[in-house]
Amino acid sequence: MDSHDLHAPASSVLSRRTVLKAAGLGAAAMIGLAQAGGSRSVLAFVGTYAPHGQGIYRFGLDPASGRLEEGALAAPAPNPTWLCVDAARRVLYACHETADFNGGTTGSVSAYAIDAGGALRLLNTVSSGGAAPVHLSLHPGGRSVFVANYGAGSVAVLPLAPDGRLMSASDVQHDADACGATPCQHGPDGAVKAPRGSFAISDHDGPHAHMVQSDPAGRFVIANDLGLDRTIVWSFDATRGLLSRPRTVPSSAGAGPRHFAFHPGGRWLYSLNEEASTLTVMSYDAALGSLVLEDEVSTLPTGFAGTSFASEVIVAFDGHHLYCLNRLHDSIAVFAIDPASGGVRLVGEEWTRGSYPRSCAVDPSGRFLYVCNQRSDHVAVFRVAPGGKLHFTGQYAAVGSPAVIAFAAA
């Protein structure tokens, strides 16, 4: 959870409260955007934290250099810290991380029409179904949006009208209830696998949903709960917009699962643990919606000591590599993926060229990686080289407290 981050002094490392999801489009939709783009230009939308950021910003994207051009405020909005774009590239959705972080007032989600030239026009805003929404995603069928409410420890299903407007929640599920009659045991007040001397020990006081997304087929919905140290899988009724029959998979104690990403083939899921700075590899049975833990590896270099918070994991379109972000260590960890087993191997790391990278995304061409450096007030641009290596292009885009970047055609 990051909304505490903006106001915390960079030197404070007593806890995550004082130290302080390829974003927006799935791989298939991103590839479709690249193929369908043709003569159409590509736009980048960046969601931000207040007070440095004032809402959602729009940039043009130079396909040759990867440079973000002509940044402008497209939609004033309070803390639009996660964005996603529908498959038709006509509507952008944003969750507003504005509510109390301990279960108080509910947050909200907005839908914006993407008009000619990338102008954003507000369609409507509805309740997120819980406090402090931090992530949202679209069902592959395009009829529902899923929202993770960090403060409430819940996930919500928001049906969509034919014009892309949001409707009131058809279902809200609390993560703690997924454990059934036997309550989930919270992790210890400290990440067991965290580096020596780490202060990544917060938010195991209760449930905190950090990401929610369906599997590639849309039959099951998966959420990571940082506070419960659990990944939860629900069956999903796409017709009625209802979640049912939850099953939970525990992380290592205190690890704090945050974001996850599917391999393009759908056989493996990679779950990033914020507090332990580790990556968990899981095999996935698409018929049953079941996950099996296969491995857990560090996202930090051997010998690292001190505090760091892992924030984002994305898989390259070709499925050969994945990238993880480390905040405070301020690095991008590059992993090679074994095509037979789905296992990962750390093959390199790259400095983010800024402070506290919250999220990253690959552009529709797959040639550039964009990192939102929250504390440095910029997005840094990297070229993706053969073998998954990253090379800084020298390009920055100034934007106050960037949280997330998503792409659409103009």
Foldseek 3Di string as FASTA:
>chain_A
DFLLAQPADCPDFQECSRNGQLAADALVLLLVQVVVCVVFWKKKWFFFAPDQFQGIWIFTADVVQRFTHDIDDQDGDHRQQGWHADSVQFKIKTWHQDFDLAWDDFTKMWIWGQDPPRRTHTDDMDTQQTHGWREKDAQNVRFWIWIFHFNNQKIFIWGADPVGGTDPTLDIDHPQCLVPPDGQDWFAQAAPLAFAAENHRDDLPDWGWAYKDAQPVRQKIWIFTQNRQWIKIWGADPVRGDTDNIDIDHHPGNQRWHYKEAQPVRQWIWTARFSNQKIWIWGADPVVRDTDTDDIGHQDDPPDHYYKTKAEKDAQSVRQWIWTAIAPVQKIFIWGADPPPRDIDTDDMDHQVAHGFHYWRAHSVSQKIWTQHQNRQWIWIWGQDPVRDTHGSPHIGGHHRTNDMHMGTD
